């Protein structure tokens, strides 16, 4: 499990050598962090959303130099080598370059306010009048213990930051992996929120990620995030975790842990949320990566592990 401080960038396009050096340095830092792990000592390594490139890009032009080809891009190569070295599965987020026939030009953004995310109404109104180019996808890649590509996923429910350049995916991903991971549901950050224009209530939902996990009988749920810090996060409050965010994640997965009349006993589902920490271009991330055990037989989520808001670290977690 990794909480990593995001890299800051300005709005000017970097040269090819600058891009290569930035990615090399990021990979070197991560490699040094993981060097203490022994092969076959872990089952799954998770990296946050868009781990090596940063997350906050104002438009398609600014992110174009950072887009990567699936399977052959820097993030894919890094994950392949790490998976092969540790003999485990590796998940990481990255900005995927679309094929020319997938690129969409002059798209009008359709966006609604999400109060839970503290959306700025004026900012969203301005976005509605903006035409953007969809040149990439906010994606994730999964590699297996042999270093081979297992599959990819494109974020379906885009956050306002993604909407300036990314094309949405078509639904959550499910992977059928060997024990102990088993059936794994994968989402990216905003996928945990209701898909617009749906409105959410605690009792009625909708609960897209949790319902998908129930429908596919998933054993593991993984979310790779760049979730923003909550308004309640305060450096002077005496706590290191962003509890408002952690509690919200658990609440949005209610069908995995809430008892319901007429339902049989549930099974344990392990939920891993791997979140970005630090600041980037004026945006502060919540950190607080966490692991939960969720079981409808228990009737409440059990928090197994959590990191601090500012923890930049590698941690090995067991259920």
C-alpha atoms as a PDB file:
ATOM      1  CA  UNK A   1       0.000   0.000   0.000  1.00  0.00           C
ATOM      2  CA  UNK A   2       1.467   3.347  -1.013  1.00  0.00           C
ATOM      3  CA  UNK A   3       0.550   6.927  -0.197  1.00  0.00           C
ATOM      4  CA  UNK A   4       2.750   9.080  -2.406  1.00  0.00           C
ATOM      5  CA  UNK A   5       3.019  12.853  -2.628  1.00  0.00           C
ATOM      6  CA  UNK A   6       2.032  14.005  -6.083  1.00  0.00           C
ATOM      7  CA  UNK A   7       4.490  15.773  -8.342  1.00  0.00           C
ATOM      8  CA  UNK A   8       3.801  19.419  -9.089  1.00  0.00           C
ATOM      9  CA  UNK A   9       3.955  20.748 -12.638  1.00  0.00           C
ATOM     10  CA  UNK A  10       3.371  24.056 -14.362  1.00  0.00           C
ATOM     11  CA  UNK A  11       1.187  24.708 -17.405  1.00  0.00           C
ATOM     12  CA  UNK A  12       4.032  24.715 -19.924  1.00  0.00           C
ATOM     13  CA  UNK A  13       4.582  21.555 -21.905  1.00  0.00           C
ATOM     14  CA  UNK A  14       7.771  19.734 -20.859  1.00  0.00           C
ATOM     15  CA  UNK A  15      10.314  18.494 -23.338  1.00  0.00           C
ATOM     16  CA  UNK A  16      10.703  14.790 -24.060  1.00  0.00           C
ATOM     17  CA  UNK A  17      13.881  14.672 -21.949  1.00  0.00           C
ATOM     18  CA  UNK A  18      12.138  16.454 -19.044  1.00  0.00           C
ATOM     19  CA  UNK A  19       9.248  13.999 -19.188  1.00  0.00           C
ATOM     20  CA  UNK A  20      11.608  11.034 -19.248  1.00  0.00           C
ATOM     21  CA  UNK A  21      13.644  12.389 -16.317  1.00  0.00           C
ATOM     22  CA  UNK A  22      10.499  13.107 -14.268  1.00  0.00           C
ATOM     23  CA  UNK A  23       9.143   9.607 -14.783  1.00  0.00           C
ATOM     24  CA  UNK A  24      12.556   8.051 -14.110  1.00  0.00           C
ATOM     25  CA  UNK A  25      12.928   9.953 -10.832  1.00  0.00           C
ATOM     26  CA  UNK A  26       9.402   8.999  -9.731  1.00  0.00           C
ATOM     27  CA  UNK A  27      10.063   5.352 -10.514  1.00  0.00           C
ATOM     28  CA  UNK A  28      13.415   5.474  -8.701  1.00  0.00           C
ATOM     29  CA  UNK A  29      11.791   6.861  -5.532  1.00  0.00           C
ATOM     30  CA  UNK A  30       9.104   4.180  -5.613  1.00  0.00           C
ATOM     31  CA  UNK A  31      11.610   1.418  -6.375  1.00  0.00           C
ATOM     32  CA  UNK A  32      13.752   2.408  -3.381  1.00  0.00           C
ATOM     33  CA  UNK A  33      10.647   2.369  -1.187  1.00  0.00           C
ATOM     34  CA  UNK A  34       9.769  -1.161  -2.284  1.00  0.00           C
ATOM     35  CA  UNK A  35      13.323  -2.523  -2.226  1.00  0.00           C
ATOM     36  CA  UNK A  36      12.906  -3.866   1.316  1.00  0.00           C
ATOM     37  CA  UNK A  37      10.192  -6.289   0.200  1.00  0.00           C
ATOM     38  CA  UNK A  38      11.146  -9.850  -0.634  1.00  0.00           C
ATOM     39  CA  UNK A  39       9.742 -11.800  -3.587  1.00  0.00           C
ATOM     40  CA  UNK A  40       6.485 -13.658  -2.808  1.00  0.00           C
ATOM     41  CA  UNK A  41       6.051 -11.692   0.441  1.00  0.00           C
ATOM     42  CA  UNK A  42       2.925  -9.846  -0.762  1.00  0.00           C
ATOM     43  CA  UNK A  43      -0.074 -10.736  -2.934  1.00  0.00           C
ATOM     44  CA  UNK A  44      -1.017  -7.304  -4.308  1.00  0.00           C
ATOM     45  CA  UNK A  45       0.758  -3.961  -4.668  1.00  0.00           C
ATOM     46  CA  UNK A  46      -1.443  -0.873  -5.188  1.00  0.00           C
ATOM     47  CA  UNK A  47      -0.472   2.559  -6.470  1.00  0.00           C
ATOM     48  CA  UNK A  48      -2.856   5.558  -6.568  1.00  0.00           C
ATOM     49  CA  UNK A  49      -4.621   7.192  -9.487  1.00  0.00           C
ATOM     50  CA  UNK A  50      -2.172   8.586 -12.083  1.00  0.00           C
ATOM     51  CA  UNK A  51       0.753   7.725  -9.808  1.00  0.00           C
ATOM     52  CA  UNK A  52       3.729   9.028 -11.814  1.00  0.00           C
ATOM     53  CA  UNK A  53       2.314  12.005 -13.735  1.00  0.00           C
ATOM     54  CA  UNK A  54       0.386  14.036 -11.185  1.00  0.00           C
ATOM     55  CA  UNK A  55      -3.368  14.482 -11.369  1.00  0.00           C
ATOM     56  CA  UNK A  56      -4.312  18.156 -11.846  1.00  0.00           C
ATOM     57  CA  UNK A  57      -4.205  19.126 -15.525  1.00  0.00           C
ATOM     58  CA  UNK A  58      -6.230  22.136 -16.735  1.00  0.00           C
ATOM     59  CA  UNK A  59      -6.860  20.947 -20.302  1.00  0.00           C
ATOM     60  CA  UNK A  60      -6.035  18.423 -23.013  1.00  0.00           C
ATOM     61  CA  UNK A  61      -2.996  20.367 -24.229  1.00  0.00           C
ATOM     62  CA  UNK A  62      -1.315  20.264 -20.802  1.00  0.00           C
ATOM     63  CA  UNK A  63      -1.714  16.507 -20.348  1.00  0.00           C
ATOM     64  CA  UNK A  64      -0.824  15.448 -23.906  1.00  0.00           C
ATOM     65  CA  UNK A  65       2.927  15.080 -23.162  1.00  0.00           C
ATOM     66  CA  UNK A  66       2.137  12.764 -20.231  1.00  0.00           C
ATOM     67  CA  UNK A  67      -0.271  10.367 -21.928  1.00  0.00           C
ATOM     68  CA  UNK A  68       0.969   6.780 -22.107  1.00  0.00           C
ATOM     69  CA  UNK A  69       0.343   3.847 -24.369  1.00  0.00           C
ATOM     70  CA  UNK A  70      -1.237   0.839 -22.630  1.00  0.00           C
ATOM     71  CA  UNK A  71       1.141  -2.098 -22.135  1.00  0.00           C
ATOM     72  CA  UNK A  72       4.204  -0.229 -23.484  1.00  0.00           C
ATOM     73  CA  UNK A  73       4.138   3.066 -21.554  1.00  0.00           C
ATOM     74  CA  UNK A  74       6.352   3.880 -18.534  1.00  0.00           C
ATOM     75  CA  UNK A  75       3.759   2.923 -15.908  1.00  0.00           C
ATOM     76  CA  UNK A  76       3.058  -0.406 -17.591  1.00  0.00           C
ATOM     77  CA  UNK A  77       6.752  -1.226 -17.903  1.00  0.00           C
ATOM     78  CA  UNK A  78       7.351  -0.308 -14.256  1.00  0.00           C
ATOM     79  CA  UNK A  79       4.411  -2.440 -13.049  1.00  0.00           C
ATOM     80  CA  UNK A  80       5.486  -5.376 -15.180  1.00  0.00           C
ATOM     81  CA  UNK A  81       9.013  -5.321 -13.763  1.00  0.00           C
ATOM     82  CA  UNK A  82       7.820  -4.890 -10.167  1.00  0.00           C
ATOM     83  CA  UNK A  83       5.238  -7.676 -10.496  1.00  0.00           C
ATOM     84  CA  UNK A  84       7.840 -10.011 -11.936  1.00  0.00           C
ATOM     85  CA  UNK A  85      10.378  -9.121  -9.243  1.00  0.00           C
ATOM     86  CA  UNK A  86       7.994  -9.522  -6.294  1.00  0.00           C
ATOM     87  CA  UNK A  87       6.020 -12.312  -7.943  1.00  0.00           C
ATOM     88  CA  UNK A  88       2.706 -10.660  -7.123  1.00  0.00           C
ATOM     89  CA  UNK A  89      -0.090  -8.669  -8.776  1.00  0.00           C
ATOM     90  CA  UNK A  90       0.464  -4.914  -9.255  1.00  0.00           C
ATOM     91  CA  UNK A  91      -2.185  -2.232  -9.852  1.00  0.00           C
ATOM     92  CA  UNK A  92      -1.450   1.390 -10.808  1.00  0.00           C
ATOM     93  CA  UNK A  93      -3.253   4.365 -12.293  1.00  0.00           C
ATOM     94  CA  UNK A  94      -2.001   6.259 -15.345  1.00  0.00           C
ATOM     95  CA  UNK A  95      -3.266   8.636 -18.094  1.00  0.00           C
ATOM     96  CA  UNK A  96      -3.878   6.486 -21.170  1.00  0.00           C
ATOM     97  CA  UNK A  97      -3.439   7.819 -24.699  1.00  0.00           C
ATOM     98  CA  UNK A  98      -6.525   7.160 -26.838  1.00  0.00           C
ATOM     99  CA  UNK A  99      -6.294   5.617 -30.283  1.00  0.00           C
ATOM    100  CA  UNK A 100      -6.837   8.222 -33.029  1.00  0.00           C
ATOM    101  CA  UNK A 101     -10.292   6.803 -33.790  1.00  0.00           C
ATOM    102  CA  UNK A 102     -11.298   7.216 -30.116  1.00  0.00           C
ATOM    103  CA  UNK A 103     -10.354  10.902 -29.770  1.00  0.00           C
ATOM    104  CA  UNK A 104     -13.346  13.261 -29.508  1.00  0.00           C
ATOM    105  CA  UNK A 105     -13.014  16.943 -30.412  1.00  0.00           C
ATOM    106  CA  UNK A 106     -15.152  19.872 -29.283  1.00  0.00           C
ATOM    107  CA  UNK A 107     -17.194  17.992 -26.679  1.00  0.00           C
ATOM    108  CA  UNK A 108     -19.512  20.019 -24.420  1.00  0.00           C
ATOM    109  CA  UNK A 109     -19.123  19.053 -20.767  1.00  0.00           C
ATOM    110  CA  UNK A 110     -22.230  17.796 -18.967  1.00  0.00           C
ATOM    111  CA  UNK A 111     -21.683  18.279 -15.242  1.00  0.00           C
ATOM    112  CA  UNK A 112     -23.826  18.661 -12.137  1.00  0.00           C
ATOM    113  CA  UNK A 113     -22.939  19.823  -8.632  1.00  0.00           C
ATOM    114  CA  UNK A 114     -22.020  17.174  -6.067  1.00  0.00           C
ATOM    115  CA  UNK A 115     -22.454  18.757  -2.596  1.00  0.00           C
ATOM    116  CA  UNK A 116     -20.473  15.978  -0.889  1.00  0.00           C
ATOM    117  CA  UNK A 117     -17.399  17.027  -2.881  1.00  0.00           C
ATOM    118  CA  UNK A 118     -17.684  20.726  -2.035  1.00  0.00           C
ATOM    119  CA  UNK A 119     -18.193  21.699  -5.673  1.00  0.00           C
ATOM    120  CA  UNK A 120     -17.917  25.359  -6.637  1.00  0.00           C
ATOM    121  CA  UNK A 121     -21.173  26.249  -8.419  1.00  0.00           C
ATOM    122  CA  UNK A 122     -19.649  29.141 -10.403  1.00  0.00           C
ATOM    123  CA  UNK A 123     -16.739  26.972 -11.534  1.00  0.00           C
ATOM    124  CA  UNK A 124     -19.115  24.253 -12.732  1.00  0.00           C
ATOM    125  CA  UNK A 125     -21.261  26.777 -14.597  1.00  0.00           C
ATOM    126  CA  UNK A 126     -18.170  27.969 -16.467  1.00  0.00           C
ATOM    127  CA  UNK A 127     -17.271  24.376 -17.336  1.00  0.00           C
ATOM    128  CA  UNK A 128     -20.715  23.773 -18.854  1.00  0.00           C
ATOM    129  CA  UNK A 129     -19.995  26.374 -21.539  1.00  0.00           C
ATOM    130  CA  UNK A 130     -16.581  24.927 -22.372  1.00  0.00           C
ATOM    131  CA  UNK A 131     -15.820  22.685 -25.317  1.00  0.00           C
ATOM    132  CA  UNK A 132     -13.016  20.235 -24.669  1.00  0.00           C
ATOM    133  CA  UNK A 133     -11.014  17.599 -26.524  1.00  0.00           C
ATOM    134  CA  UNK A 134     -11.106  14.065 -25.145  1.00  0.00           C
ATOM    135  CA  UNK A 135      -7.607  12.842 -25.887  1.00  0.00           C
ATOM    136  CA  UNK A 136      -7.034  10.282 -23.120  1.00  0.00           C
ATOM    137  CA  UNK A 137      -8.577   8.137 -20.418  1.00  0.00           C
ATOM    138  CA  UNK A 138      -7.971   8.059 -16.680  1.00  0.00           C
ATOM    139  CA  UNK A 139      -6.942   4.430 -16.570  1.00  0.00           C
ATOM    140  CA  UNK A 140      -5.490   1.660 -14.431  1.00  0.00           C
ATOM    141  CA  UNK A 141      -3.389  -1.348 -15.348  1.00  0.00           C
ATOM    142  CA  UNK A 142      -3.052  -4.735 -13.674  1.00  0.00           C
ATOM    143  CA  UNK A 143      -0.015  -6.991 -14.053  1.00  0.00           C
ATOM    144  CA  UNK A 144       0.377 -10.550 -12.798  1.00  0.00           C
ATOM    145  CA  UNK A 145       3.164 -12.385 -10.924  1.00  0.00           C
ATOM    146  CA  UNK A 146       4.761 -13.407 -14.222  1.00  0.00           C
ATOM    147  CA  UNK A 147       5.096  -9.775 -15.243  1.00  0.00           C
ATOM    148  CA  UNK A 148       2.434 -10.113 -17.919  1.00  0.00           C
ATOM    149  CA  UNK A 149      -0.479  -7.756 -18.546  1.00  0.00           C
ATOM    150  CA  UNK A 150      -3.698  -9.048 -16.966  1.00  0.00           C
ATOM    151  CA  UNK A 151      -6.032  -6.226 -17.922  1.00  0.00           C
ATOM    152  CA  UNK A 152      -6.851  -2.549 -17.884  1.00  0.00           C
ATOM    153  CA  UNK A 153      -9.677  -0.312 -16.791  1.00  0.00           C
ATOM    154  CA  UNK A 154     -10.888   3.191 -17.675  1.00  0.00           C
ATOM    155  CA  UNK A 155     -12.504   5.384 -15.016  1.00  0.00           C
ATOM    156  CA  UNK A 156     -16.232   5.573 -15.699  1.00  0.00           C
ATOM    157  CA  UNK A 157     -17.502   8.341 -13.410  1.00  0.00           C
ATOM    158  CA  UNK A 158     -15.274  11.321 -14.158  1.00  0.00           C
ATOM    159  CA  UNK A 159     -14.430  14.043 -11.643  1.00  0.00           C
ATOM    160  CA  UNK A 160     -14.484  17.652 -12.903  1.00  0.00           C
ATOM    161  CA  UNK A 161     -10.662  17.591 -13.216  1.00  0.00           C
ATOM    162  CA  UNK A 162     -10.871  14.584 -15.554  1.00  0.00           C
ATOM    163  CA  UNK A 163     -13.578  16.146 -17.703  1.00  0.00           C
ATOM    164  CA  UNK A 164     -11.152  18.637 -19.233  1.00  0.00           C
ATOM    165  CA  UNK A 165      -9.326  15.894 -21.170  1.00  0.00           C
ATOM    166  CA  UNK A 166     -10.582  12.346 -20.488  1.00  0.00           C
ATOM    167  CA  UNK A 167     -13.096  10.059 -22.127  1.00  0.00           C
ATOM    168  CA  UNK A 168     -15.172   8.024 -19.633  1.00  0.00           C
ATOM    169  CA  UNK A 169     -15.031   4.248 -19.503  1.00  0.00           C
ATOM    170  CA  UNK A 170     -18.019   1.970 -19.927  1.00  0.00           C
ATOM    171  CA  UNK A 171     -18.308   0.329 -16.503  1.00  0.00           C
ATOM    172  CA  UNK A 172     -16.439  -1.142 -13.561  1.00  0.00           C
ATOM    173  CA  UNK A 173     -13.882  -3.901 -14.104  1.00  0.00           C
ATOM    174  CA  UNK A 174     -13.885  -7.405 -12.651  1.00  0.00           C
ATOM    175  CA  UNK A 175     -10.823  -9.657 -12.607  1.00  0.00           C
ATOM    176  CA  UNK A 176     -10.797 -13.336 -11.679  1.00  0.00           C
ATOM    177  CA  UNK A 177      -7.496 -13.906  -9.894  1.00  0.00           C
ATOM    178  CA  UNK A 178      -5.971 -16.799  -7.941  1.00  0.00           C
ATOM    179  CA  UNK A 179      -6.529 -16.969  -4.158  1.00  0.00           C
ATOM    180  CA  UNK A 180      -6.296 -15.124  -1.870  1.00  0.00           C
ATOM    181  CA  UNK A 181      -7.364 -12.193  -4.098  1.00  0.00           C
ATOM    182  CA  UNK A 182     -10.129 -14.135  -5.859  1.00  0.00           C
ATOM    183  CA  UNK A 183     -12.722 -12.107  -7.762  1.00  0.00           C
ATOM    184  CA  UNK A 184     -11.589  -8.472  -7.703  1.00  0.00           C
ATOM    185  CA  UNK A 185     -13.670  -5.374  -8.475  1.00  0.00           C
ATOM    186  CA  UNK A 186     -11.622  -2.361  -9.578  1.00  0.00           C
ATOM    187  CA  UNK A 187     -12.652   1.290  -9.605  1.00  0.00           C
ATOM    188  CA  UNK A 188     -10.938   4.676  -9.669  1.00  0.00           C
ATOM    189  CA  UNK A 189     -11.774   7.401  -7.146  1.00  0.00           C
ATOM    190  CA  UNK A 190     -14.974   9.152  -8.371  1.00  0.00           C
ATOM    191  CA  UNK A 191     -16.377   5.759  -9.429  1.00  0.00           C
ATOM    192  CA  UNK A 192     -17.354   5.452  -5.769  1.00  0.00           C
ATOM    193  CA  UNK A 193     -19.795   8.367  -6.127  1.00  0.00           C
ATOM    194  CA  UNK A 194     -23.266   8.234  -7.732  1.00  0.00           C
ATOM    195  CA  UNK A 195     -23.225   8.630 -11.495  1.00  0.00           C
ATOM    196  CA  UNK A 196     -24.970  11.872 -12.460  1.00  0.00           C
ATOM    197  CA  UNK A 197     -27.809  12.770 -12.546  1.00  0.00           C
ATOM    198  CA  UNK A 198     -28.577  10.238  -9.788  1.00  0.00           C
ATOM    199  CA  UNK A 199     -29.012  11.515  -6.246  1.00  0.00           C
ATOM    200  CA  UNK A 200     -27.899   9.408  -3.317  1.00  0.00           C
ATOM    201  CA  UNK A 201     -29.529   8.525  -0.022  1.00  0.00           C
ATOM    202  CA  UNK A 202     -28.060   6.324   2.702  1.00  0.00           C
ATOM    203  CA  UNK A 203     -30.904   3.802   2.556  1.00  0.00           C
ATOM    204  CA  UNK A 204     -31.698   3.720  -1.159  1.00  0.00           C
ATOM    205  CA  UNK A 205     -28.355   4.406  -2.777  1.00  0.00           C
ATOM    206  CA  UNK A 206     -27.481   4.042  -5.601  1.00  0.00           C
ATOM    207  CA  UNK A 207     -24.312   2.147  -4.676  1.00  0.00           C
ATOM    208  CA  UNK A 208     -22.690   1.374  -8.002  1.00  0.00           C
ATOM    209  CA  UNK A 209     -19.367  -0.050  -6.792  1.00  0.00           C
ATOM    210  CA  UNK A 210     -20.819  -2.059  -3.901  1.00  0.00           C
ATOM    211  CA  UNK A 211     -23.707  -3.387  -6.003  1.00  0.00           C
ATOM    212  CA  UNK A 212     -21.273  -4.449  -8.709  1.00  0.00           C
ATOM    213  CA  UNK A 213     -19.149  -6.242  -6.108  1.00  0.00           C
ATOM    214  CA  UNK A 214     -22.215  -8.049  -4.758  1.00  0.00           C
ATOM    215  CA  UNK A 215     -23.425  -8.964  -8.250  1.00  0.00           C
ATOM    216  CA  UNK A 216     -20.018 -10.416  -9.211  1.00  0.00           C
ATOM    217  CA  UNK A 217     -19.547 -12.085  -5.801  1.00  0.00           C
ATOM    218  CA  UNK A 218     -16.261 -10.237  -5.400  1.00  0.00           C
ATOM    219  CA  UNK A 219     -13.793 -11.182  -2.700  1.00  0.00           C
ATOM    220  CA  UNK A 220     -11.728  -7.999  -3.035  1.00  0.00           C
ATOM    221  CA  UNK A 221     -12.538  -4.397  -3.963  1.00  0.00           C
ATOM    222  CA  UNK A 222      -9.751  -1.956  -4.877  1.00  0.00           C
ATOM    223  CA  UNK A 223     -10.101   1.795  -5.415  1.00  0.00           C
ATOM    224  CA  UNK A 224      -7.143   3.780  -6.764  1.00  0.00           C
ATOM    225  CA  UNK A 225      -7.775   7.380  -5.738  1.00  0.00           C
ATOM    226  CA  UNK A 226      -6.713  11.000  -5.895  1.00  0.00           C
ATOM    227  CA  UNK A 227      -9.429  11.945  -3.388  1.00  0.00           C
ATOM    228  CA  UNK A 228      -9.375  15.524  -2.138  1.00  0.00           C
ATOM    229  CA  UNK A 229      -9.036  16.467   1.520  1.00  0.00           C
ATOM    230  CA  UNK A 230     -12.308  17.225   3.287  1.00  0.00           C
ATOM    231  CA  UNK A 231     -13.232  20.674   4.554  1.00  0.00           C
ATOM    232  CA  UNK A 232     -12.903  19.324   8.089  1.00  0.00           C
ATOM    233  CA  UNK A 233      -9.263  18.299   7.661  1.00  0.00           C
ATOM    234  CA  UNK A 234      -7.229  20.545   9.951  1.00  0.00           C
ATOM    235  CA  UNK A 235      -3.536  20.344  10.723  1.00  0.00           C
ATOM    236  CA  UNK A 236      -4.267  21.599  14.223  1.00  0.00           C
ATOM    237  CA  UNK A 237      -7.054  19.186  15.172  1.00  0.00           C
ATOM    238  CA  UNK A 238      -4.694  16.632  16.722  1.00  0.00           C
ATOM    239  CA  UNK A 239      -5.485  13.823  14.272  1.00  0.00           C
ATOM    240  CA  UNK A 240      -3.470  12.634  11.314  1.00  0.00           C
ATOM    241  CA  UNK A 241      -6.250  10.867   9.361  1.00  0.00           C
ATOM    242  CA  UNK A 242      -9.008  12.532   7.347  1.00  0.00           C
ATOM    243  CA  UNK A 243     -11.832  10.741   9.147  1.00  0.00           C
ATOM    244  CA  UNK A 244     -14.598  12.477   7.218  1.00  0.00           C
ATOM    245  CA  UNK A 245     -13.225  11.003   3.989  1.00  0.00           C
ATOM    246  CA  UNK A 246     -12.599   7.540   5.474  1.00  0.00           C
ATOM    247  CA  UNK A 247     -16.148   7.403   6.865  1.00  0.00           C
ATOM    248  CA  UNK A 248     -17.584   8.544   3.545  1.00  0.00           C
ATOM    249  CA  UNK A 249     -15.762   5.753   1.691  1.00  0.00           C
ATOM    250  CA  UNK A 250     -17.259   3.201   4.088  1.00  0.00           C
ATOM    251  CA  UNK A 251     -20.747   4.718   3.796  1.00  0.00           C
ATOM    252  CA  UNK A 252     -20.636   4.519  -0.006  1.00  0.00           C
ATOM    253  CA  UNK A 253     -19.972   0.759   0.271  1.00  0.00           C
ATOM    254  CA  UNK A 254     -22.957   0.109   2.558  1.00  0.00           C
ATOM    255  CA  UNK A 255     -24.375  -2.934   0.651  1.00  0.00           C
ATOM    256  CA  UNK A 256     -21.173  -4.833   1.482  1.00  0.00           C
ATOM    257  CA  UNK A 257     -21.638  -4.506   5.256  1.00  0.00           C
ATOM    258  CA  UNK A 258     -25.235  -3.516   6.126  1.00  0.00           C
ATOM    259  CA  UNK A 259     -27.665  -6.184   7.323  1.00  0.00           C
ATOM    260  CA  UNK A 260     -30.857  -6.467   5.290  1.00  0.00           C
ATOM    261  CA  UNK A 261     -33.975  -8.436   6.101  1.00  0.00           C
ATOM    262  CA  UNK A 262     -34.454 -11.521   3.944  1.00  0.00           C
ATOM    263  CA  UNK A 263     -30.808 -11.679   2.917  1.00  0.00           C
ATOM    264  CA  UNK A 264     -28.663 -14.625   3.836  1.00  0.00           C
ATOM    265  CA  UNK A 265     -25.363 -14.273   5.587  1.00  0.00           C
ATOM    266  CA  UNK A 266     -22.790 -12.386   3.603  1.00  0.00           C
ATOM    267  CA  UNK A 267     -19.147 -13.207   3.161  1.00  0.00           C
ATOM    268  CA  UNK A 268     -16.139 -11.109   4.044  1.00  0.00           C
ATOM    269  CA  UNK A 269     -15.038  -8.677   1.344  1.00  0.00           C
ATOM    270  CA  UNK A 270     -11.686  -6.930   1.700  1.00  0.00           C
ATOM    271  CA  UNK A 271     -11.709  -3.323   0.501  1.00  0.00           C
ATOM    272  CA  UNK A 272      -8.471  -1.474  -0.249  1.00  0.00           C
ATOM    273  CA  UNK A 273      -8.513   2.279  -0.900  1.00  0.00           C
ATOM    274  CA  UNK A 274      -5.147   3.570  -2.121  1.00  0.00           C
ATOM    275  CA  UNK A 275      -5.182   7.363  -2.095  1.00  0.00           C
ATOM    276  CA  UNK A 276      -2.810  10.133  -3.122  1.00  0.00           C
ATOM    277  CA  UNK A 277      -1.484  12.542  -0.479  1.00  0.00           C
ATOM    278  CA  UNK A 278       0.222  15.921  -0.549  1.00  0.00           C
ATOM    279  CA  UNK A 279      -0.531  18.975  -2.686  1.00  0.00           C
ATOM    280  CA  UNK A 280      -0.504  19.730  -6.397  1.00  0.00           C
ATOM    281  CA  UNK A 281      -1.257  23.055  -8.078  1.00  0.00           C
ATOM    282  CA  UNK A 282      -3.188  24.310  -5.071  1.00  0.00           C
ATOM    283  CA  UNK A 283      -5.137  21.078  -4.568  1.00  0.00           C
ATOM    284  CA  UNK A 284      -4.735  19.094  -1.326  1.00  0.00           C
ATOM    285  CA  UNK A 285      -5.357  15.351  -1.267  1.00  0.00           C
ATOM    286  CA  UNK A 286      -6.781  13.409   1.670  1.00  0.00           C
ATOM    287  CA  UNK A 287      -4.195  10.616   1.941  1.00  0.00           C
ATOM    288  CA  UNK A 288      -5.656   8.300   4.598  1.00  0.00           C
ATOM    289  CA  UNK A 289      -5.329   5.131   2.497  1.00  0.00           C
ATOM    290  CA  UNK A 290      -7.280   2.371   4.196  1.00  0.00           C
ATOM    291  CA  UNK A 291      -8.210  -1.304   4.307  1.00  0.00           C
ATOM    292  CA  UNK A 292     -11.650  -2.476   5.453  1.00  0.00           C
ATOM    293  CA  UNK A 293     -13.212  -5.837   6.194  1.00  0.00           C
ATOM    294  CA  UNK A 294     -16.889  -5.773   5.195  1.00  0.00           C
ATOM    295  CA  UNK A 295     -19.442  -8.493   5.911  1.00  0.00           C
ATOM    296  CA  UNK A 296     -23.248  -8.260   5.941  1.00  0.00           C
ATOM    297  CA  UNK A 297     -23.275 -10.779   8.789  1.00  0.00           C
ATOM    298  CA  UNK A 298     -21.444  -8.253  10.964  1.00  0.00           C
ATOM    299  CA  UNK A 299     -23.614  -5.261  10.098  1.00  0.00           C
ATOM    300  CA  UNK A 300     -20.859  -2.631  10.171  1.00  0.00           C
ATOM    301  CA  UNK A 301     -17.576  -1.963   8.380  1.00  0.00           C
ATOM    302  CA  UNK A 302     -14.375  -2.899  10.196  1.00  0.00           C
ATOM    303  CA  UNK A 303     -11.409  -0.614   9.611  1.00  0.00           C
ATOM    304  CA  UNK A 304      -8.295  -2.798   9.579  1.00  0.00           C
ATOM    305  CA  UNK A 305      -5.616  -0.275   8.634  1.00  0.00           C
ATOM    306  CA  UNK A 306      -5.385   3.426   7.821  1.00  0.00           C
ATOM    307  CA  UNK A 307      -2.582   5.843   6.989  1.00  0.00           C
ATOM    308  CA  UNK A 308      -2.330   9.512   7.881  1.00  0.00           C
ATOM    309  CA  UNK A 309      -3.246  12.427   5.649  1.00  0.00           C
ATOM    310  CA  UNK A 310       0.400  13.266   4.992  1.00  0.00           C
ATOM    311  CA  UNK A 311       1.980   9.810   5.224  1.00  0.00           C
ATOM    312  CA  UNK A 312       4.271   9.185   2.262  1.00  0.00           C
ATOM    313  CA  UNK A 313       5.150   5.583   2.925  1.00  0.00           C
ATOM    314  CA  UNK A 314       4.981   1.940   1.942  1.00  0.00           C
ATOM    315  CA  UNK A 315       2.969  -0.240   4.277  1.00  0.00           C
ATOM    316  CA  UNK A 316       2.334  -3.976   4.137  1.00  0.00           C
ATOM    317  CA  UNK A 317      -1.153  -4.869   5.373  1.00  0.00           C
ATOM    318  CA  UNK A 318      -2.759  -8.182   6.200  1.00  0.00           C
ATOM    319  CA  UNK A 319      -6.460  -8.824   6.960  1.00  0.00           C
END
